[in-house]
Amino acid sequence: MSQEIEIEFKNLLTRNEFKNIKEVFQLKDEQFFLQENHYFDTSQFSLKDLGSALRIRKKQNQFVMTLKEPAQVGILETHQIVTKKAAQQMMETGILEDGQITERLTSLGINKADMTYFGTLSTLRAEINYKNGLLVIDHSRYLNIEDFELEYEVTDEQEGKKIFNTLLEELNIPIRETKNKIRRFYEQKYSEMR
């Protein structure tokens, strides 16, 4: 188990802006790797209501369960490595493996037995070290949606925001209010359930 504070800036892109960024940074298709996020919540969206989210991410051949919670600055992430078998079982049954994350859920007043698996978001991702941070270029597919996104992960919020906004300006990309992937996934899922 580990915890960290995540500070990132994000902006949705059009398909053409995504292609332009690939050209500007000379990114080849083989530099993109597949990452799968498998999302969980209660049927009442209890985590969503708390501004939190739970996912299992498959990246290369490792599975990591992550609980994201709001923090004073950024997002508090609690990570728990799980086996492939455990990840598959959790997706099939919705029953979470005991550990640090189920303890956190209990402290948030959420019964782990109420959790359910909602679905998968697949992302083709490229990462570039850029001015004291990590620039992330994503092409995601989930439910019936396809979207493109630029993220910038930093340790200094003020400096990071300045650098990210300057980059968007240089690339002629308007600043768009961008919800995180989990929120976009949930809103799409919720709209399909109504």
N, C-alpha and C. Protein backbone atom coordinates (compact mmCIF):
# COMPACT_ATOMS: atom_id res chain seq x y z
N MET A 1 0.84 -1.18 0.00
CA MET A 1 0.00 0.00 0.00
C MET A 1 0.88 1.23 0.00
N SER A 2 0.49 2.20 -0.80
CA SER A 2 1.19 3.48 -0.77
C SER A 2 0.18 4.59 -1.01
N GLN A 3 0.54 5.80 -0.57
CA GLN A 3 -0.31 6.96 -0.80
C GLN A 3 0.54 8.07 -1.39
N GLU A 4 -0.11 8.89 -2.23
CA GLU A 4 0.58 10.04 -2.79
C GLU A 4 -0.44 11.11 -3.14
N ILE A 5 0.04 12.35 -3.23
CA ILE A 5 -0.81 13.45 -3.69
C ILE A 5 -0.52 13.64 -5.17
N GLU A 6 -1.60 13.66 -5.96
CA GLU A 6 -1.45 13.85 -7.41
C GLU A 6 -1.89 15.27 -7.75
N ILE A 7 -1.01 16.01 -8.42
CA ILE A 7 -1.35 17.35 -8.91
C ILE A 7 -1.22 17.30 -10.42
N GLU A 8 -2.35 17.49 -11.11
CA GLU A 8 -2.28 17.45 -12.57
C GLU A 8 -3.26 18.43 -13.17
N PHE A 9 -2.92 18.87 -14.36
CA PHE A 9 -3.78 19.74 -15.15
C PHE A 9 -4.18 18.96 -16.38
N LYS A 10 -5.40 19.18 -16.86
CA LYS A 10 -5.87 18.38 -17.99
C LYS A 10 -6.70 19.26 -18.91
N ASN A 11 -6.71 18.88 -20.17
CA ASN A 11 -7.47 19.61 -21.17
C ASN A 11 -7.91 18.63 -22.26
N LEU A 12 -9.21 18.60 -22.53
CA LEU A 12 -9.68 17.77 -23.64
C LEU A 12 -9.19 18.36 -24.96
N LEU A 13 -8.98 17.48 -25.92
CA LEU A 13 -8.47 17.88 -27.24
C LEU A 13 -9.43 17.42 -28.32
N THR A 14 -9.40 18.11 -29.45
CA THR A 14 -10.08 17.59 -30.63
C THR A 14 -9.14 16.56 -31.27
N ARG A 15 -9.67 15.78 -32.18
CA ARG A 15 -8.84 14.80 -32.90
C ARG A 15 -7.67 15.51 -33.61
N ASN A 16 -7.94 16.66 -34.22
CA ASN A 16 -6.88 17.39 -34.94
C ASN A 16 -5.82 17.94 -33.99
N GLU A 17 -6.24 18.43 -32.83
CA GLU A 17 -5.28 18.91 -31.84
C GLU A 17 -4.40 17.76 -31.35
N PHE A 18 -5.00 16.60 -31.15
CA PHE A 18 -4.25 15.41 -30.75
C PHE A 18 -3.20 15.07 -31.81
N LYS A 19 -3.61 15.06 -33.08
CA LYS A 19 -2.67 14.77 -34.18
C LYS A 19 -1.54 15.80 -34.22
N ASN A 20 -1.89 17.07 -34.00
CA ASN A 20 -0.90 18.14 -34.01
C ASN A 20 0.13 17.96 -32.89
N ILE A 21 -0.34 17.59 -31.68
CA ILE A 21 0.58 17.37 -30.56
C ILE A 21 1.53 16.22 -30.88
N LYS A 22 1.00 15.16 -31.48
CA LYS A 22 1.86 14.03 -31.87
C LYS A 22 2.97 14.52 -32.81
N GLU A 23 2.62 15.40 -33.74
CA GLU A 23 3.62 15.94 -34.69
C GLU A 23 4.63 16.84 -33.98
N VAL A 24 4.12 17.77 -33.15
CA VAL A 24 4.98 18.73 -32.46
C VAL A 24 6.02 18.00 -31.60
N PHE A 25 5.60 16.94 -30.90
CA PHE A 25 6.50 16.21 -30.02
C PHE A 25 7.10 14.97 -30.70
N GLN A 26 6.86 14.85 -32.01
CA GLN A 26 7.41 13.75 -32.83
C GLN A 26 7.13 12.39 -32.19
N LEU A 27 5.87 12.19 -31.82
CA LEU A 27 5.48 10.92 -31.20
C LEU A 27 5.06 9.92 -32.27
N LYS A 28 5.62 8.73 -32.16
CA LYS A 28 5.25 7.67 -33.09
C LYS A 28 4.21 6.76 -32.40
N ASP A 29 3.41 6.08 -33.20
CA ASP A 29 2.35 5.22 -32.64
C ASP A 29 2.90 4.21 -31.64
N GLU A 30 4.12 3.70 -31.90
CA GLU A 30 4.68 2.68 -31.00
C GLU A 30 5.10 3.24 -29.64
N GLN A 31 5.09 4.57 -29.49
CA GLN A 31 5.40 5.17 -28.20
C GLN A 31 4.17 5.20 -27.27
N PHE A 32 3.02 4.86 -27.82
CA PHE A 32 1.79 4.82 -27.02
C PHE A 32 1.61 3.42 -26.47
N PHE A 33 1.25 3.32 -25.20
CA PHE A 33 1.02 2.01 -24.58
C PHE A 33 -0.42 1.95 -24.09
N LEU A 34 -0.95 0.74 -24.03
CA LEU A 34 -2.34 0.54 -23.61
C LEU A 34 -2.44 0.45 -22.10
N GLN A 35 -3.43 1.15 -21.59
CA GLN A 35 -3.70 1.13 -20.15
C GLN A 35 -5.20 0.94 -20.00
N GLU A 36 -5.61 0.05 -19.12
CA GLU A 36 -7.04 -0.19 -18.90
C GLU A 36 -7.41 0.19 -17.48
N ASN A 37 -8.48 0.99 -17.35
CA ASN A 37 -9.01 1.37 -16.05
C ASN A 37 -10.37 0.70 -15.87
N HIS A 38 -10.51 -0.07 -14.80
CA HIS A 38 -11.75 -0.77 -14.50
C HIS A 38 -12.37 -0.07 -13.28
N TYR A 39 -13.59 0.47 -13.44
CA TYR A 39 -14.18 1.33 -12.42
C TYR A 39 -15.22 0.64 -11.55
N PHE A 40 -15.24 1.05 -10.27
CA PHE A 40 -16.17 0.51 -9.28
C PHE A 40 -16.82 1.65 -8.51
N ASP A 41 -18.06 1.45 -8.10
CA ASP A 41 -18.75 2.37 -7.19
C ASP A 41 -19.96 1.60 -6.66
N THR A 42 -20.74 2.21 -5.80
CA THR A 42 -22.00 1.58 -5.40
C THR A 42 -23.05 1.93 -6.44
N SER A 43 -24.16 1.22 -6.45
CA SER A 43 -25.21 1.52 -7.43
C SER A 43 -25.82 2.91 -7.17
N GLN A 44 -25.61 3.45 -5.96
CA GLN A 44 -26.08 4.81 -5.65
C GLN A 44 -25.00 5.87 -5.93
N PHE A 45 -23.87 5.45 -6.50
CA PHE A 45 -22.75 6.37 -6.79
C PHE A 45 -22.24 7.06 -5.52
N SER A 46 -22.08 6.29 -4.44
CA SER A 46 -21.64 6.85 -3.15
C SER A 46 -20.26 7.49 -3.24
N LEU A 47 -19.32 6.83 -3.95
CA LEU A 47 -17.98 7.42 -4.08
C LEU A 47 -18.04 8.72 -4.89
N LYS A 48 -18.76 8.68 -5.99
CA LYS A 48 -18.91 9.86 -6.85
C LYS A 48 -19.45 11.03 -6.03
N ASP A 49 -20.45 10.75 -5.18
CA ASP A 49 -21.04 11.81 -4.35
C ASP A 49 -20.03 12.42 -3.38
N LEU A 50 -19.01 11.64 -3.00
CA LEU A 50 -17.96 12.15 -2.10
C LEU A 50 -16.82 12.81 -2.88
N GLY A 51 -16.94 12.84 -4.22
CA GLY A 51 -15.86 13.37 -5.04
C GLY A 51 -14.71 12.39 -5.14
N SER A 52 -14.98 11.12 -4.82
CA SER A 52 -13.95 10.09 -4.83
C SER A 52 -14.20 9.10 -5.95
N ALA A 53 -13.25 8.19 -6.16
CA ALA A 53 -13.39 7.20 -7.23
C ALA A 53 -12.49 6.00 -6.93
N LEU A 54 -12.89 4.85 -7.47
CA LEU A 54 -12.11 3.62 -7.28
C LEU A 54 -11.93 2.93 -8.62
N ARG A 55 -10.68 2.54 -8.88
CA ARG A 55 -10.40 1.84 -10.14
C ARG A 55 -9.35 0.78 -9.90
N ILE A 56 -9.34 -0.19 -10.81
CA ILE A 56 -8.20 -1.09 -10.93
C ILE A 56 -7.58 -0.76 -12.28
N ARG A 57 -6.29 -0.45 -12.29
CA ARG A 57 -5.61 -0.12 -13.53
C ARG A 57 -4.70 -1.26 -13.93
N LYS A 58 -4.85 -1.67 -15.19
CA LYS A 58 -3.92 -2.65 -15.75
C LYS A 58 -2.96 -1.87 -16.64
N LYS A 59 -1.69 -1.93 -16.29
CA LYS A 59 -0.66 -1.21 -17.04
C LYS A 59 0.49 -2.19 -17.19
N GLN A 60 0.90 -2.43 -18.42
CA GLN A 60 1.79 -3.54 -18.71
C GLN A 60 1.13 -4.78 -18.11
N ASN A 61 1.79 -5.56 -17.28
CA ASN A 61 1.07 -6.72 -16.73
C ASN A 61 0.86 -6.61 -15.24
N GLN A 62 0.76 -5.37 -14.76
CA GLN A 62 0.56 -5.16 -13.33
C GLN A 62 -0.84 -4.59 -13.09
N PHE A 63 -1.46 -5.02 -11.99
CA PHE A 63 -2.79 -4.53 -11.63
C PHE A 63 -2.68 -3.76 -10.32
N VAL A 64 -3.15 -2.51 -10.32
CA VAL A 64 -3.11 -1.68 -9.13
C VAL A 64 -4.51 -1.12 -8.87
N MET A 65 -5.01 -1.37 -7.66
CA MET A 65 -6.30 -0.80 -7.25
C MET A 65 -5.99 0.56 -6.61
N THR A 66 -6.71 1.61 -7.05
CA THR A 66 -6.45 2.96 -6.56
C THR A 66 -7.75 3.62 -6.13
N LEU A 67 -7.74 4.15 -4.92
CA LEU A 67 -8.85 4.96 -4.42
C LEU A 67 -8.38 6.41 -4.49
N LYS A 68 -9.17 7.25 -5.19
CA LYS A 68 -8.83 8.68 -5.30
C LYS A 68 -9.82 9.47 -4.44
N GLU A 69 -9.25 10.35 -3.60
CA GLU A 69 -10.09 11.19 -2.73
C GLU A 69 -9.62 12.64 -2.84
N PRO A 70 -10.55 13.59 -2.68
CA PRO A 70 -10.14 15.00 -2.73
C PRO A 70 -9.15 15.31 -1.60
N ALA A 71 -8.17 16.15 -1.89
CA ALA A 71 -7.21 16.61 -0.88
C ALA A 71 -7.20 18.13 -0.93
N GLN A 72 -6.50 18.77 0.03
CA GLN A 72 -6.46 20.23 0.04
C GLN A 72 -5.88 20.76 -1.25
N VAL A 73 -4.79 20.14 -1.71
CA VAL A 73 -4.22 20.44 -3.02
C VAL A 73 -4.15 19.12 -3.76
N GLY A 74 -4.76 19.05 -4.92
CA GLY A 74 -4.68 17.84 -5.72
C GLY A 74 -5.60 16.73 -5.21
N ILE A 75 -5.17 15.50 -5.45
CA ILE A 75 -5.97 14.31 -5.14
C ILE A 75 -5.11 13.36 -4.30
N LEU A 76 -5.70 12.82 -3.22
CA LEU A 76 -5.01 11.79 -2.44
C LEU A 76 -5.30 10.45 -3.08
N GLU A 77 -4.24 9.75 -3.46
CA GLU A 77 -4.39 8.43 -4.07
C GLU A 77 -3.86 7.37 -3.12
N THR A 78 -4.68 6.34 -2.86
CA THR A 78 -4.24 5.19 -2.08
C THR A 78 -4.13 4.02 -3.06
N HIS A 79 -2.95 3.41 -3.12
CA HIS A 79 -2.69 2.33 -4.08
C HIS A 79 -2.52 1.00 -3.37
N GLN A 80 -3.05 -0.05 -3.99
CA GLN A 80 -2.89 -1.41 -3.48
C GLN A 80 -2.66 -2.33 -4.68
N ILE A 81 -1.51 -2.98 -4.71
CA ILE A 81 -1.20 -3.90 -5.81
C ILE A 81 -2.03 -5.17 -5.62
N VAL A 82 -2.66 -5.64 -6.69
CA VAL A 82 -3.45 -6.87 -6.63
C VAL A 82 -2.98 -7.82 -7.74
N THR A 83 -3.27 -9.09 -7.57
CA THR A 83 -2.89 -10.06 -8.60
C THR A 83 -3.88 -9.98 -9.76
N LYS A 84 -3.49 -10.54 -10.88
CA LYS A 84 -4.38 -10.61 -12.04
C LYS A 84 -5.66 -11.37 -11.68
N LYS A 85 -5.48 -12.49 -10.96
CA LYS A 85 -6.62 -13.33 -10.56
C LYS A 85 -7.58 -12.54 -9.66
N ALA A 86 -7.02 -11.82 -8.68
CA ALA A 86 -7.85 -11.02 -7.77
C ALA A 86 -8.59 -9.92 -8.53
N ALA A 87 -7.89 -9.27 -9.47
CA ALA A 87 -8.51 -8.20 -10.27
C ALA A 87 -9.69 -8.77 -11.07
N GLN A 88 -9.47 -9.91 -11.71
CA GLN A 88 -10.54 -10.52 -12.50
C GLN A 88 -11.73 -10.92 -11.63
N GLN A 89 -11.43 -11.46 -10.44
CA GLN A 89 -12.49 -11.84 -9.51
C GLN A 89 -13.31 -10.63 -9.07
N MET A 90 -12.63 -9.52 -8.79
CA MET A 90 -13.32 -8.31 -8.36
C MET A 90 -14.22 -7.77 -9.47
N MET A 91 -13.74 -7.86 -10.73
CA MET A 91 -14.56 -7.40 -11.85
C MET A 91 -15.76 -8.32 -12.07
N GLU A 92 -15.57 -9.61 -11.87
CA GLU A 92 -16.67 -10.56 -12.08
C GLU A 92 -17.72 -10.49 -10.98
N THR A 93 -17.27 -10.27 -9.73
CA THR A 93 -18.19 -10.36 -8.59
C THR A 93 -18.52 -9.00 -7.97
N GLY A 94 -17.67 -8.00 -8.18
CA GLY A 94 -17.84 -6.72 -7.51
C GLY A 94 -17.37 -6.75 -6.06
N ILE A 95 -16.90 -7.92 -5.61
CA ILE A 95 -16.44 -8.06 -4.22
C ILE A 95 -14.96 -7.68 -4.15
N LEU A 96 -14.65 -6.65 -3.36
CA LEU A 96 -13.29 -6.13 -3.29
C LEU A 96 -12.42 -6.97 -2.37
N GLU A 97 -11.15 -7.08 -2.74
CA GLU A 97 -10.17 -7.77 -1.89
C GLU A 97 -9.90 -6.89 -0.67
N ASP A 98 -9.89 -7.53 0.51
CA ASP A 98 -9.63 -6.78 1.74
C ASP A 98 -8.23 -6.17 1.72
N GLY A 99 -8.11 -5.04 2.40
CA GLY A 99 -6.81 -4.37 2.48
C GLY A 99 -7.01 -2.91 2.83
N GLN A 100 -5.98 -2.12 2.57
CA GLN A 100 -5.97 -0.69 2.89
C GLN A 100 -7.15 0.04 2.26
N ILE A 101 -7.51 -0.34 1.04
CA ILE A 101 -8.58 0.38 0.34
C ILE A 101 -9.94 0.08 0.96
N THR A 102 -10.21 -1.18 1.31
CA THR A 102 -11.51 -1.48 1.95
C THR A 102 -11.57 -0.80 3.33
N GLU A 103 -10.42 -0.67 3.99
CA GLU A 103 -10.38 0.05 5.27
C GLU A 103 -10.74 1.53 5.07
N ARG A 104 -10.19 2.13 4.01
CA ARG A 104 -10.49 3.54 3.70
C ARG A 104 -11.98 3.69 3.37
N LEU A 105 -12.53 2.74 2.59
CA LEU A 105 -13.96 2.81 2.24
C LEU A 105 -14.81 2.79 3.51
N THR A 106 -14.46 1.89 4.44
CA THR A 106 -15.19 1.80 5.71
C THR A 106 -15.13 3.14 6.44
N SER A 107 -13.93 3.77 6.45
CA SER A 107 -13.79 5.06 7.15
C SER A 107 -14.59 6.16 6.46
N LEU A 108 -14.90 5.97 5.16
CA LEU A 108 -15.73 6.94 4.43
C LEU A 108 -17.23 6.61 4.59
N GLY A 109 -17.53 5.54 5.34
CA GLY A 109 -18.92 5.16 5.56
C GLY A 109 -19.52 4.35 4.42
N ILE A 110 -18.65 3.72 3.63
CA ILE A 110 -19.13 2.92 2.50
C ILE A 110 -18.89 1.44 2.80
N ASN A 111 -19.94 0.66 2.66
CA ASN A 111 -19.85 -0.78 2.88
C ASN A 111 -19.27 -1.43 1.62
N LYS A 112 -18.16 -2.14 1.77
CA LYS A 112 -17.52 -2.76 0.60
C LYS A 112 -18.46 -3.73 -0.12
N ALA A 113 -19.44 -4.28 0.61
CA ALA A 113 -20.40 -5.22 0.01
C ALA A 113 -21.34 -4.52 -0.97
N ASP A 114 -21.43 -3.19 -0.87
CA ASP A 114 -22.30 -2.43 -1.79
C ASP A 114 -21.60 -2.05 -3.10
N MET A 115 -20.31 -2.37 -3.20
CA MET A 115 -19.56 -1.98 -4.40
C MET A 115 -19.96 -2.86 -5.59
N THR A 116 -19.90 -2.26 -6.77
CA THR A 116 -20.19 -2.99 -8.00
C THR A 116 -19.25 -2.54 -9.11
N TYR A 117 -18.99 -3.42 -10.05
CA TYR A 117 -18.11 -3.11 -11.19
C TYR A 117 -18.93 -2.42 -12.26
N PHE A 118 -18.44 -1.28 -12.76
CA PHE A 118 -19.19 -0.49 -13.73
C PHE A 118 -18.72 -0.63 -15.17
N GLY A 119 -17.45 -0.97 -15.38
CA GLY A 119 -16.98 -1.07 -16.75
C GLY A 119 -15.55 -0.61 -16.90
N THR A 120 -15.09 -0.57 -18.15
CA THR A 120 -13.68 -0.33 -18.46
C THR A 120 -13.50 0.87 -19.38
N LEU A 121 -12.46 1.64 -19.11
CA LEU A 121 -12.01 2.71 -19.99
C LEU A 121 -10.61 2.33 -20.45
N SER A 122 -10.41 2.25 -21.77
CA SER A 122 -9.10 1.88 -22.33
C SER A 122 -8.43 3.12 -22.90
N THR A 123 -7.16 3.28 -22.60
CA THR A 123 -6.42 4.47 -23.04
C THR A 123 -5.13 4.07 -23.72
N LEU A 124 -4.89 4.67 -24.88
CA LEU A 124 -3.57 4.62 -25.50
C LEU A 124 -2.85 5.87 -25.03
N ARG A 125 -1.71 5.70 -24.36
CA ARG A 125 -1.04 6.81 -23.67
C ARG A 125 0.41 6.92 -24.06
N ALA A 126 0.85 8.15 -24.24
CA ALA A 126 2.29 8.45 -24.41
C ALA A 126 2.68 9.44 -23.32
N GLU A 127 3.90 9.31 -22.80
CA GLU A 127 4.38 10.19 -21.73
C GLU A 127 5.70 10.84 -22.14
N ILE A 128 5.83 12.14 -21.82
CA ILE A 128 7.04 12.89 -22.16
C ILE A 128 7.45 13.71 -20.94
N ASN A 129 8.72 13.64 -20.55
CA ASN A 129 9.21 14.55 -19.52
C ASN A 129 9.25 15.94 -20.11
N TYR A 130 8.62 16.90 -19.41
CA TYR A 130 8.49 18.25 -19.96
C TYR A 130 8.56 19.28 -18.84
N LYS A 131 9.62 20.08 -18.83
CA LYS A 131 9.78 21.21 -17.90
C LYS A 131 9.37 20.87 -16.46
N ASN A 132 10.10 20.01 -15.81
CA ASN A 132 9.87 19.63 -14.39
C ASN A 132 8.57 18.87 -14.15
N GLY A 133 7.96 18.35 -15.20
CA GLY A 133 6.72 17.59 -15.01
C GLY A 133 6.63 16.48 -16.04
N LEU A 134 5.48 15.82 -16.05
CA LEU A 134 5.25 14.74 -17.00
C LEU A 134 4.05 15.11 -17.86
N LEU A 135 4.29 15.22 -19.16
CA LEU A 135 3.23 15.51 -20.12
C LEU A 135 2.66 14.18 -20.60
N VAL A 136 1.34 14.04 -20.54
CA VAL A 136 0.68 12.79 -20.88
C VAL A 136 -0.33 13.05 -22.00
N ILE A 137 -0.23 12.28 -23.07
CA ILE A 137 -1.13 12.42 -24.21
C ILE A 137 -1.96 11.15 -24.30
N ASP A 138 -3.29 11.30 -24.19
CA ASP A 138 -4.20 10.16 -24.09
C ASP A 138 -5.24 10.13 -25.21
N HIS A 139 -5.51 8.92 -25.67
CA HIS A 139 -6.62 8.64 -26.59
C HIS A 139 -7.44 7.54 -25.91
N SER A 140 -8.64 7.89 -25.42
CA SER A 140 -9.43 6.97 -24.60
C SER A 140 -10.72 6.54 -25.28
N ARG A 141 -11.12 5.29 -24.94
CA ARG A 141 -12.42 4.75 -25.39
C ARG A 141 -13.12 4.14 -24.19
N TYR A 142 -14.41 4.49 -24.05
CA TYR A 142 -15.22 3.93 -22.96
C TYR A 142 -16.69 4.06 -23.34
N LEU A 143 -17.46 3.03 -22.94
CA LEU A 143 -18.87 3.00 -23.26
C LEU A 143 -19.00 3.30 -24.76
N ASN A 144 -19.73 4.33 -25.19
CA ASN A 144 -19.79 4.63 -26.64
C ASN A 144 -19.00 5.88 -26.99
N ILE A 145 -18.02 6.22 -26.18
CA ILE A 145 -17.32 7.49 -26.30
C ILE A 145 -15.86 7.26 -26.70
N GLU A 146 -15.34 8.22 -27.46
CA GLU A 146 -13.90 8.26 -27.78
C GLU A 146 -13.48 9.70 -27.49
N ASP A 147 -12.40 9.89 -26.70
CA ASP A 147 -11.93 11.26 -26.50
C ASP A 147 -10.41 11.32 -26.43
N PHE A 148 -9.91 12.55 -26.51
CA PHE A 148 -8.48 12.84 -26.55
C PHE A 148 -8.20 13.86 -25.46
N GLU A 149 -7.02 13.73 -24.81
CA GLU A 149 -6.75 14.57 -23.65
C GLU A 149 -5.25 14.80 -23.49
N LEU A 150 -4.92 15.98 -23.00
CA LEU A 150 -3.55 16.32 -22.64
C LEU A 150 -3.53 16.55 -21.14
N GLU A 151 -2.61 15.88 -20.44
CA GLU A 151 -2.46 16.05 -18.99
C GLU A 151 -1.04 16.49 -18.69
N TYR A 152 -0.88 17.20 -17.58
CA TYR A 152 0.45 17.61 -17.14
C TYR A 152 0.52 17.35 -15.64
N GLU A 153 1.37 16.39 -15.23
CA GLU A 153 1.53 16.01 -13.82
C GLU A 153 2.74 16.71 -13.25
N VAL A 154 2.54 17.37 -12.11
CA VAL A 154 3.60 18.20 -11.52
C VAL A 154 3.66 18.03 -10.00
N THR A 155 4.70 18.59 -9.40
CA THR A 155 4.78 18.62 -7.94
C THR A 155 4.48 20.02 -7.41
N ASP A 156 4.66 21.05 -8.24
CA ASP A 156 4.40 22.44 -7.85
C ASP A 156 3.18 22.95 -8.62
N GLU A 157 2.09 23.17 -7.89
CA GLU A 157 0.82 23.52 -8.55
C GLU A 157 0.90 24.83 -9.34
N GLN A 158 1.45 25.89 -8.73
CA GLN A 158 1.46 27.19 -9.39
C GLN A 158 2.34 27.19 -10.64
N GLU A 159 3.56 26.66 -10.49
CA GLU A 159 4.48 26.61 -11.64
C GLU A 159 3.89 25.73 -12.74
N GLY A 160 3.31 24.59 -12.35
CA GLY A 160 2.72 23.66 -13.31
C GLY A 160 1.61 24.28 -14.12
N LYS A 161 0.75 25.03 -13.42
CA LYS A 161 -0.39 25.68 -14.12
C LYS A 161 0.11 26.68 -15.16
N LYS A 162 1.14 27.44 -14.78
CA LYS A 162 1.70 28.43 -15.70
C LYS A 162 2.27 27.75 -16.95
N ILE A 163 3.07 26.70 -16.73
CA ILE A 163 3.71 25.97 -17.84
C ILE A 163 2.65 25.35 -18.75
N PHE A 164 1.63 24.73 -18.14
CA PHE A 164 0.58 24.05 -18.91
C PHE A 164 -0.21 25.06 -19.75
N ASN A 165 -0.60 26.18 -19.14
CA ASN A 165 -1.36 27.19 -19.88
C ASN A 165 -0.54 27.80 -21.01
N THR A 166 0.76 28.00 -20.77
CA THR A 166 1.64 28.53 -21.82
C THR A 166 1.73 27.54 -22.98
N LEU A 167 1.86 26.25 -22.66
CA LEU A 167 1.92 25.22 -23.70
C LEU A 167 0.64 25.21 -24.53
N LEU A 168 -0.51 25.26 -23.87
CA LEU A 168 -1.79 25.28 -24.60
C LEU A 168 -1.85 26.49 -25.53
N GLU A 169 -1.38 27.63 -25.03
CA GLU A 169 -1.38 28.86 -25.83
C GLU A 169 -0.48 28.69 -27.06
N GLU A 170 0.72 28.14 -26.85
CA GLU A 170 1.66 27.92 -27.96
C GLU A 170 1.09 26.97 -29.00
N LEU A 171 0.29 26.00 -28.56
CA LEU A 171 -0.30 25.01 -29.47
C LEU A 171 -1.65 25.47 -30.04
N ASN A 172 -2.05 26.71 -29.68
CA ASN A 172 -3.35 27.25 -30.11
C ASN A 172 -4.53 26.36 -29.70
N ILE A 173 -4.47 25.84 -28.48
CA ILE A 173 -5.54 24.99 -27.96
C ILE A 173 -6.27 25.78 -26.87
N PRO A 174 -7.58 25.99 -27.04
CA PRO A 174 -8.32 26.72 -26.01
C PRO A 174 -8.38 25.94 -24.71
N ILE A 175 -8.37 26.65 -23.59
CA ILE A 175 -8.52 26.00 -22.29
C ILE A 175 -9.97 25.53 -22.18
N ARG A 176 -10.13 24.24 -21.93
CA ARG A 176 -11.47 23.67 -21.78
C ARG A 176 -11.59 23.09 -20.38
N GLU A 177 -12.69 23.40 -19.70
CA GLU A 177 -12.91 22.79 -18.40
C GLU A 177 -13.01 21.28 -18.64
N THR A 178 -12.11 20.52 -18.01
CA THR A 178 -12.02 19.09 -18.29
C THR A 178 -12.16 18.29 -17.01
N LYS A 179 -13.16 17.45 -16.97
CA LYS A 179 -13.35 16.55 -15.83
C LYS A 179 -12.39 15.37 -15.99
N ASN A 180 -12.04 14.73 -14.87
CA ASN A 180 -11.14 13.59 -14.98
C ASN A 180 -11.85 12.41 -15.64
N LYS A 181 -11.06 11.43 -16.04
CA LYS A 181 -11.60 10.28 -16.80
C LYS A 181 -12.72 9.56 -16.03
N ILE A 182 -12.51 9.37 -14.73
CA ILE A 182 -13.50 8.66 -13.94
C ILE A 182 -14.83 9.42 -13.97
N ARG A 183 -14.75 10.73 -13.81
CA ARG A 183 -15.96 11.55 -13.81
C ARG A 183 -16.65 11.46 -15.17
N ARG A 184 -15.88 11.55 -16.26
CA ARG A 184 -16.47 11.46 -17.61
C ARG A 184 -17.12 10.09 -17.81
N PHE A 185 -16.43 9.05 -17.34
CA PHE A 185 -16.97 7.69 -17.45
C PHE A 185 -18.28 7.58 -16.67
N TYR A 186 -18.27 8.04 -15.41
CA TYR A 186 -19.46 7.94 -14.56
C TYR A 186 -20.64 8.70 -15.15
N GLU A 187 -20.38 9.91 -15.66
CA GLU A 187 -21.48 10.71 -16.21
C GLU A 187 -22.09 10.02 -17.41
N GLN A 188 -21.25 9.40 -18.24
CA GLN A 188 -21.75 8.67 -19.40
C GLN A 188 -22.54 7.44 -18.94
N LYS A 189 -21.99 6.72 -17.97
CA LYS A 189 -22.65 5.53 -17.44
C LYS A 189 -23.99 5.90 -16.81
N TYR A 190 -24.00 6.97 -16.04
CA TYR A 190 -25.20 7.43 -15.35
C TYR A 190 -26.28 7.82 -16.35
N SER A 191 -25.86 8.52 -17.43
CA SER A 191 -26.84 8.95 -18.43
C SER A 191 -27.42 7.73 -19.16
N GLU A 192 -26.62 6.68 -19.32
CA GLU A 192 -27.12 5.45 -19.98
C GLU A 192 -28.07 4.67 -19.08
N MET A 193 -27.90 4.81 -17.75
CA MET A 193 -28.71 4.05 -16.80
C MET A 193 -30.10 4.68 -16.60
N ARG A 194 -30.25 5.96 -16.98
CA ARG A 194 -31.54 6.64 -16.75
C ARG A 194 -32.54 6.35 -17.84
